[in-house]
Amino acid sequence: MSPRTGRPKLDNPKDVDIKVRLDSQTNERLLEYCKANNLTRAAALRKGVYLILDEKK
């Protein structure tokens, strides 16, 4: 039997979708940030979530 083909399984797959509504000004700022830091929008939003979660109370 031949081995399975396709992408290998990830250790921590990103399998949860979240929908966020932004006003146009916030979206433009996000896009500018992403372009300046060479990030995708999803990566930038994950970074923001980590900042909030790692914040000391």
N, C-alpha and C. Protein backbone atom coordinates (compact mmCIF):
# COMPACT_ATOMS: atom_id res chain seq x y z
N MET A 1 0.86 -1.17 0.00
CA MET A 1 0.00 0.00 0.00
C MET A 1 0.90 1.24 0.00
N SER A 2 0.58 2.22 -0.80
CA SER A 2 1.41 3.42 -0.90
C SER A 2 1.13 4.37 0.26
N PRO A 3 2.14 5.19 0.64
CA PRO A 3 1.93 6.13 1.77
C PRO A 3 0.92 7.19 1.39
N ARG A 4 0.33 7.77 2.42
CA ARG A 4 -0.67 8.83 2.20
C ARG A 4 0.00 10.04 1.58
N THR A 5 -0.68 10.71 0.70
CA THR A 5 -0.15 11.92 0.09
C THR A 5 -0.87 13.13 0.64
N GLY A 6 -0.29 14.29 0.43
CA GLY A 6 -0.90 15.52 0.91
C GLY A 6 -0.05 16.19 1.97
N ARG A 7 -0.57 17.24 2.53
CA ARG A 7 0.16 17.99 3.54
C ARG A 7 0.25 17.19 4.83
N PRO A 8 1.40 17.30 5.52
CA PRO A 8 1.52 16.62 6.82
C PRO A 8 0.63 17.30 7.87
N LYS A 9 0.23 16.53 8.84
CA LYS A 9 -0.60 17.07 9.92
C LYS A 9 0.22 18.03 10.77
N LEU A 10 -0.42 19.12 11.22
CA LEU A 10 0.23 20.10 12.08
C LEU A 10 0.06 19.72 13.54
N ASP A 11 1.01 20.15 14.37
CA ASP A 11 0.91 19.89 15.81
C ASP A 11 -0.22 20.69 16.42
N ASN A 12 -0.43 21.92 15.95
CA ASN A 12 -1.45 22.80 16.50
C ASN A 12 -2.21 23.44 15.35
N PRO A 13 -3.14 22.70 14.73
CA PRO A 13 -3.84 23.25 13.56
C PRO A 13 -4.74 24.43 13.93
N LYS A 14 -4.86 25.37 13.02
CA LYS A 14 -5.73 26.53 13.21
C LYS A 14 -7.09 26.17 12.60
N ASP A 15 -7.94 25.58 13.42
CA ASP A 15 -9.20 25.07 12.92
C ASP A 15 -10.43 25.83 13.42
N VAL A 16 -10.22 26.97 14.07
CA VAL A 16 -11.33 27.77 14.57
C VAL A 16 -11.39 29.06 13.76
N ASP A 17 -12.55 29.35 13.19
CA ASP A 17 -12.76 30.58 12.43
C ASP A 17 -13.48 31.59 13.31
N ILE A 18 -13.03 32.85 13.24
CA ILE A 18 -13.68 33.93 13.96
C ILE A 18 -13.94 35.05 12.97
N LYS A 19 -15.13 35.57 12.97
CA LYS A 19 -15.47 36.67 12.08
C LYS A 19 -15.46 37.96 12.90
N VAL A 20 -14.79 38.98 12.36
CA VAL A 20 -14.68 40.27 13.05
C VAL A 20 -15.14 41.35 12.09
N ARG A 21 -15.96 42.25 12.58
CA ARG A 21 -16.40 43.39 11.76
C ARG A 21 -15.61 44.62 12.19
N LEU A 22 -15.03 45.31 11.21
CA LEU A 22 -14.24 46.50 11.47
C LEU A 22 -14.79 47.67 10.66
N ASP A 23 -14.62 48.88 11.20
CA ASP A 23 -14.95 50.04 10.40
C ASP A 23 -13.82 50.25 9.39
N SER A 24 -14.04 51.04 8.37
CA SER A 24 -13.06 51.19 7.30
C SER A 24 -11.75 51.81 7.78
N GLN A 25 -11.80 52.74 8.74
CA GLN A 25 -10.59 53.36 9.25
C GLN A 25 -9.71 52.34 9.98
N THR A 26 -10.32 51.52 10.81
CA THR A 26 -9.57 50.49 11.53
C THR A 26 -8.99 49.48 10.55
N ASN A 27 -9.76 49.11 9.53
CA ASN A 27 -9.28 48.17 8.52
C ASN A 27 -8.07 48.74 7.78
N GLU A 28 -8.13 50.00 7.42
CA GLU A 28 -7.00 50.64 6.73
C GLU A 28 -5.75 50.64 7.61
N ARG A 29 -5.93 50.95 8.89
CA ARG A 29 -4.79 50.94 9.82
C ARG A 29 -4.21 49.54 9.95
N LEU A 30 -5.08 48.53 9.99
CA LEU A 30 -4.63 47.14 10.07
C LEU A 30 -3.85 46.76 8.82
N LEU A 31 -4.36 47.13 7.66
CA LEU A 31 -3.67 46.81 6.40
C LEU A 31 -2.31 47.50 6.32
N GLU A 32 -2.23 48.74 6.78
CA GLU A 32 -0.96 49.46 6.79
C GLU A 32 0.04 48.78 7.73
N TYR A 33 -0.44 48.37 8.90
CA TYR A 33 0.42 47.66 9.86
C TYR A 33 0.93 46.36 9.25
N CYS A 34 0.05 45.62 8.62
CA CYS A 34 0.42 44.34 8.02
C CYS A 34 1.46 44.54 6.91
N LYS A 35 1.26 45.54 6.10
CA LYS A 35 2.19 45.80 5.01
C LYS A 35 3.56 46.21 5.56
N ALA A 36 3.58 47.08 6.57
CA ALA A 36 4.82 47.57 7.15
C ALA A 36 5.59 46.46 7.88
N ASN A 37 4.87 45.48 8.44
CA ASN A 37 5.50 44.43 9.22
C ASN A 37 5.51 43.07 8.51
N ASN A 38 5.12 43.08 7.25
CA ASN A 38 5.11 41.87 6.42
C ASN A 38 4.35 40.73 7.10
N LEU A 39 3.11 41.02 7.52
CA LEU A 39 2.24 40.04 8.17
C LEU A 39 0.94 39.92 7.40
N THR A 40 0.28 38.78 7.56
CA THR A 40 -1.08 38.65 7.07
C THR A 40 -2.01 39.28 8.10
N ARG A 41 -3.23 39.54 7.70
CA ARG A 41 -4.20 40.09 8.66
C ARG A 41 -4.43 39.11 9.80
N ALA A 42 -4.53 37.83 9.47
CA ALA A 42 -4.77 36.81 10.50
C ALA A 42 -3.61 36.77 11.50
N ALA A 43 -2.39 36.84 11.01
CA ALA A 43 -1.22 36.81 11.90
C ALA A 43 -1.20 38.04 12.79
N ALA A 44 -1.56 39.20 12.25
CA ALA A 44 -1.59 40.43 13.04
C ALA A 44 -2.66 40.34 14.12
N LEU A 45 -3.82 39.80 13.79
CA LEU A 45 -4.89 39.66 14.77
C LEU A 45 -4.52 38.65 15.86
N ARG A 46 -3.87 37.54 15.47
CA ARG A 46 -3.40 36.58 16.47
C ARG A 46 -2.39 37.24 17.40
N LYS A 47 -1.50 38.06 16.84
CA LYS A 47 -0.52 38.76 17.65
C LYS A 47 -1.22 39.67 18.67
N GLY A 48 -2.28 40.35 18.25
CA GLY A 48 -3.05 41.20 19.15
C GLY A 48 -3.72 40.40 20.25
N VAL A 49 -4.24 39.24 19.92
CA VAL A 49 -4.88 38.39 20.92
C VAL A 49 -3.85 37.94 21.95
N TYR A 50 -2.65 37.55 21.47
CA TYR A 50 -1.59 37.13 22.40
C TYR A 50 -1.19 38.27 23.32
N LEU A 51 -1.13 39.49 22.79
CA LEU A 51 -0.79 40.65 23.62
C LEU A 51 -1.81 40.83 24.74
N ILE A 52 -3.07 40.69 24.42
CA ILE A 52 -4.13 40.84 25.42
C ILE A 52 -4.05 39.73 26.46
N LEU A 53 -3.86 38.49 26.00
CA LEU A 53 -3.84 37.34 26.91
C LEU A 53 -2.62 37.33 27.81
N ASP A 54 -1.49 37.84 27.31
CA ASP A 54 -0.25 37.85 28.09
C ASP A 54 -0.14 39.06 29.02
N GLU A 55 -1.09 39.98 28.90
CA GLU A 55 -1.09 41.19 29.72
C GLU A 55 -1.26 40.81 31.20
N LYS A 56 -0.47 41.44 32.05
CA LYS A 56 -0.60 41.18 33.48
C LYS A 56 -1.84 41.90 34.02
N LYS A 57 -2.53 41.25 34.92
CA LYS A 57 -3.75 41.85 35.46
C LYS A 57 -3.45 42.69 36.68
